[in-house]
Amino acid sequence: MTCPRCNADISTRVESAANMKTHLLALLLCLGGCCCCAPLPYCMDSCLVHKHYCPACSFFLGVSKN
């Protein structure tokens, strides 16, 4: 991939972050009596969004969702 800002040929730097789906699932687990399982959504890739950045100039390239 080529960065649109610095024109470097790159492999993106990926940062994972929780989203509303992650927080709601943790809340539902807690309210459902599974408080010990509430942190589980924060460890699952399917509950996180992945933000892609250029490693050379740190330009934000986009988000991928599972």
N, C-alpha and C. Protein backbone atom coordinates (compact mmCIF):
# COMPACT_ATOMS: atom_id res chain seq x y z
N MET A 1 0.84 -1.17 0.00
CA MET A 1 0.00 0.00 0.00
C MET A 1 0.89 1.24 0.00
N THR A 2 0.41 2.29 -0.63
CA THR A 2 1.13 3.56 -0.66
C THR A 2 0.36 4.58 0.17
N CYS A 3 1.06 5.25 1.07
CA CYS A 3 0.43 6.28 1.90
C CYS A 3 0.09 7.49 1.04
N PRO A 4 -1.16 7.99 1.12
CA PRO A 4 -1.54 9.15 0.32
C PRO A 4 -0.88 10.45 0.76
N ARG A 5 -0.38 10.50 1.98
CA ARG A 5 0.25 11.73 2.47
C ARG A 5 1.74 11.78 2.13
N CYS A 6 2.48 10.73 2.49
CA CYS A 6 3.94 10.77 2.31
C CYS A 6 4.42 9.94 1.12
N ASN A 7 3.53 9.23 0.44
CA ASN A 7 3.84 8.39 -0.72
C ASN A 7 4.82 7.27 -0.45
N ALA A 8 4.96 6.87 0.81
CA ALA A 8 5.84 5.76 1.16
C ALA A 8 5.11 4.44 0.90
N ASP A 9 5.87 3.42 0.50
CA ASP A 9 5.33 2.08 0.32
C ASP A 9 5.33 1.43 1.70
N ILE A 10 4.15 1.12 2.25
CA ILE A 10 4.05 0.73 3.65
C ILE A 10 3.18 -0.50 3.88
N SER A 11 3.34 -1.07 5.06
CA SER A 11 2.37 -1.98 5.67
C SER A 11 1.82 -1.19 6.85
N THR A 12 0.51 -1.12 6.97
CA THR A 12 -0.08 -0.24 7.97
C THR A 12 0.23 -0.66 9.40
N ARG A 13 0.27 0.33 10.28
CA ARG A 13 0.36 0.10 11.72
C ARG A 13 -1.09 0.03 12.20
N VAL A 14 -1.43 -1.04 12.92
CA VAL A 14 -2.81 -1.26 13.34
C VAL A 14 -2.93 -1.09 14.85
N GLU A 15 -3.92 -0.30 15.26
CA GLU A 15 -4.25 -0.13 16.67
C GLU A 15 -5.67 -0.61 16.88
N SER A 16 -5.87 -1.47 17.88
CA SER A 16 -7.20 -1.98 18.19
C SER A 16 -7.82 -1.13 19.29
N ALA A 17 -9.12 -0.90 19.19
CA ALA A 17 -9.83 -0.09 20.18
C ALA A 17 -11.23 -0.65 20.40
N ALA A 18 -11.71 -0.47 21.62
CA ALA A 18 -13.08 -0.88 21.94
C ALA A 18 -14.06 0.11 21.32
N ASN A 19 -15.24 -0.39 21.00
CA ASN A 19 -16.30 0.48 20.48
C ASN A 19 -17.56 0.27 21.32
N MET A 20 -18.66 0.85 20.90
CA MET A 20 -19.91 0.76 21.66
C MET A 20 -20.36 -0.69 21.81
N LYS A 21 -20.18 -1.49 20.77
CA LYS A 21 -20.55 -2.91 20.82
C LYS A 21 -19.80 -3.63 21.95
N THR A 22 -18.53 -3.32 22.11
CA THR A 22 -17.71 -3.93 23.15
C THR A 22 -18.24 -3.58 24.53
N HIS A 23 -18.51 -2.30 24.74
CA HIS A 23 -18.99 -1.84 26.05
C HIS A 23 -20.38 -2.42 26.37
N LEU A 24 -21.26 -2.47 25.38
CA LEU A 24 -22.61 -3.01 25.61
C LEU A 24 -22.57 -4.50 25.94
N LEU A 25 -21.73 -5.24 25.25
CA LEU A 25 -21.62 -6.67 25.52
C LEU A 25 -21.08 -6.91 26.93
N ALA A 26 -20.10 -6.13 27.34
CA ALA A 26 -19.55 -6.25 28.70
C ALA A 26 -20.63 -5.91 29.74
N LEU A 27 -21.42 -4.88 29.48
CA LEU A 27 -22.49 -4.50 30.39
C LEU A 27 -23.54 -5.60 30.48
N LEU A 28 -23.93 -6.17 29.34
CA LEU A 28 -24.92 -7.26 29.34
C LEU A 28 -24.42 -8.48 30.10
N LEU A 29 -23.15 -8.80 29.94
CA LEU A 29 -22.58 -9.93 30.68
C LEU A 29 -22.61 -9.66 32.18
N CYS A 30 -22.30 -8.44 32.56
CA CYS A 30 -22.30 -8.06 33.97
C CYS A 30 -23.72 -8.09 34.54
N LEU A 31 -24.67 -7.52 33.82
CA LEU A 31 -26.06 -7.51 34.27
C LEU A 31 -26.68 -8.91 34.28
N GLY A 32 -26.18 -9.77 33.42
CA GLY A 32 -26.67 -11.14 33.34
C GLY A 32 -26.10 -12.06 34.40
N GLY A 33 -25.28 -11.53 35.29
CA GLY A 33 -24.72 -12.33 36.37
C GLY A 33 -23.38 -12.95 36.07
N CYS A 34 -22.80 -12.63 34.94
CA CYS A 34 -21.48 -13.17 34.58
C CYS A 34 -20.41 -12.09 34.70
N CYS A 35 -20.33 -11.49 35.87
CA CYS A 35 -19.38 -10.38 36.07
C CYS A 35 -17.93 -10.79 35.79
N CYS A 36 -17.61 -12.05 36.06
CA CYS A 36 -16.24 -12.49 35.82
C CYS A 36 -15.93 -12.59 34.32
N CYS A 37 -16.97 -12.66 33.49
CA CYS A 37 -16.79 -12.72 32.03
C CYS A 37 -16.87 -11.35 31.36
N ALA A 38 -17.20 -10.31 32.12
CA ALA A 38 -17.38 -8.97 31.55
C ALA A 38 -16.16 -8.46 30.80
N PRO A 39 -14.92 -8.74 31.23
CA PRO A 39 -13.75 -8.26 30.47
C PRO A 39 -13.50 -9.01 29.15
N LEU A 40 -14.17 -10.12 28.95
CA LEU A 40 -13.93 -10.95 27.77
C LEU A 40 -14.09 -10.21 26.44
N PRO A 41 -15.12 -9.37 26.24
CA PRO A 41 -15.25 -8.67 24.95
C PRO A 41 -14.05 -7.78 24.61
N TYR A 42 -13.33 -7.31 25.63
CA TYR A 42 -12.17 -6.45 25.39
C TYR A 42 -10.96 -7.24 24.89
N CYS A 43 -11.06 -8.58 24.95
CA CYS A 43 -9.97 -9.44 24.49
C CYS A 43 -10.29 -10.10 23.15
N MET A 44 -11.52 -9.94 22.66
CA MET A 44 -11.95 -10.60 21.43
C MET A 44 -11.81 -9.65 20.23
N ASP A 45 -11.14 -10.10 19.19
CA ASP A 45 -10.97 -9.29 17.98
C ASP A 45 -12.30 -8.91 17.34
N SER A 46 -13.28 -9.78 17.43
CA SER A 46 -14.56 -9.52 16.79
C SER A 46 -15.33 -8.38 17.46
N CYS A 47 -14.94 -7.98 18.65
CA CYS A 47 -15.61 -6.90 19.37
C CYS A 47 -14.82 -5.59 19.31
N LEU A 48 -13.74 -5.56 18.58
CA LEU A 48 -12.89 -4.38 18.51
C LEU A 48 -12.87 -3.81 17.09
N VAL A 49 -12.56 -2.54 16.97
CA VAL A 49 -12.32 -1.93 15.66
C VAL A 49 -10.81 -1.79 15.50
N HIS A 50 -10.35 -1.86 14.28
CA HIS A 50 -8.92 -1.79 13.99
C HIS A 50 -8.66 -0.53 13.18
N LYS A 51 -7.87 0.37 13.75
CA LYS A 51 -7.55 1.63 13.09
C LYS A 51 -6.19 1.50 12.43
N HIS A 52 -6.11 1.87 11.15
CA HIS A 52 -4.89 1.73 10.36
C HIS A 52 -4.21 3.09 10.18
N TYR A 53 -2.90 3.10 10.44
CA TYR A 53 -2.09 4.32 10.33
C TYR A 53 -0.84 4.04 9.50
N CYS A 54 -0.31 5.08 8.89
CA CYS A 54 0.97 4.98 8.19
C CYS A 54 2.07 4.96 9.25
N PRO A 55 2.98 3.97 9.20
CA PRO A 55 4.06 3.93 10.18
C PRO A 55 5.11 5.01 9.96
N ALA A 56 5.17 5.58 8.77
CA ALA A 56 6.18 6.60 8.48
C ALA A 56 5.76 7.99 8.95
N CYS A 57 4.49 8.36 8.70
CA CYS A 57 4.05 9.73 9.02
C CYS A 57 2.86 9.77 9.99
N SER A 58 2.39 8.61 10.43
CA SER A 58 1.27 8.48 11.38
C SER A 58 -0.06 9.00 10.83
N PHE A 59 -0.21 9.07 9.52
CA PHE A 59 -1.46 9.50 8.89
C PHE A 59 -2.52 8.42 9.09
N PHE A 60 -3.73 8.81 9.50
CA PHE A 60 -4.84 7.88 9.68
C PHE A 60 -5.36 7.46 8.31
N LEU A 61 -5.39 6.14 8.06
CA LEU A 61 -5.79 5.62 6.76
C LEU A 61 -7.21 5.07 6.73
N GLY A 62 -7.70 4.58 7.86
CA GLY A 62 -9.06 4.06 7.87
C GLY A 62 -9.30 3.09 9.00
N VAL A 63 -10.53 2.60 9.07
CA VAL A 63 -10.96 1.67 10.12
C VAL A 63 -11.48 0.40 9.47
N SER A 64 -11.13 -0.73 10.05
CA SER A 64 -11.73 -2.00 9.62
C SER A 64 -12.45 -2.59 10.81
N LYS A 65 -13.62 -3.15 10.54
CA LYS A 65 -14.44 -3.75 11.59
C LYS A 65 -14.62 -5.22 11.28
N ASN A 66 -14.63 -6.02 12.33
CA ASN A 66 -14.86 -7.46 12.16
C ASN A 66 -16.30 -7.79 12.33
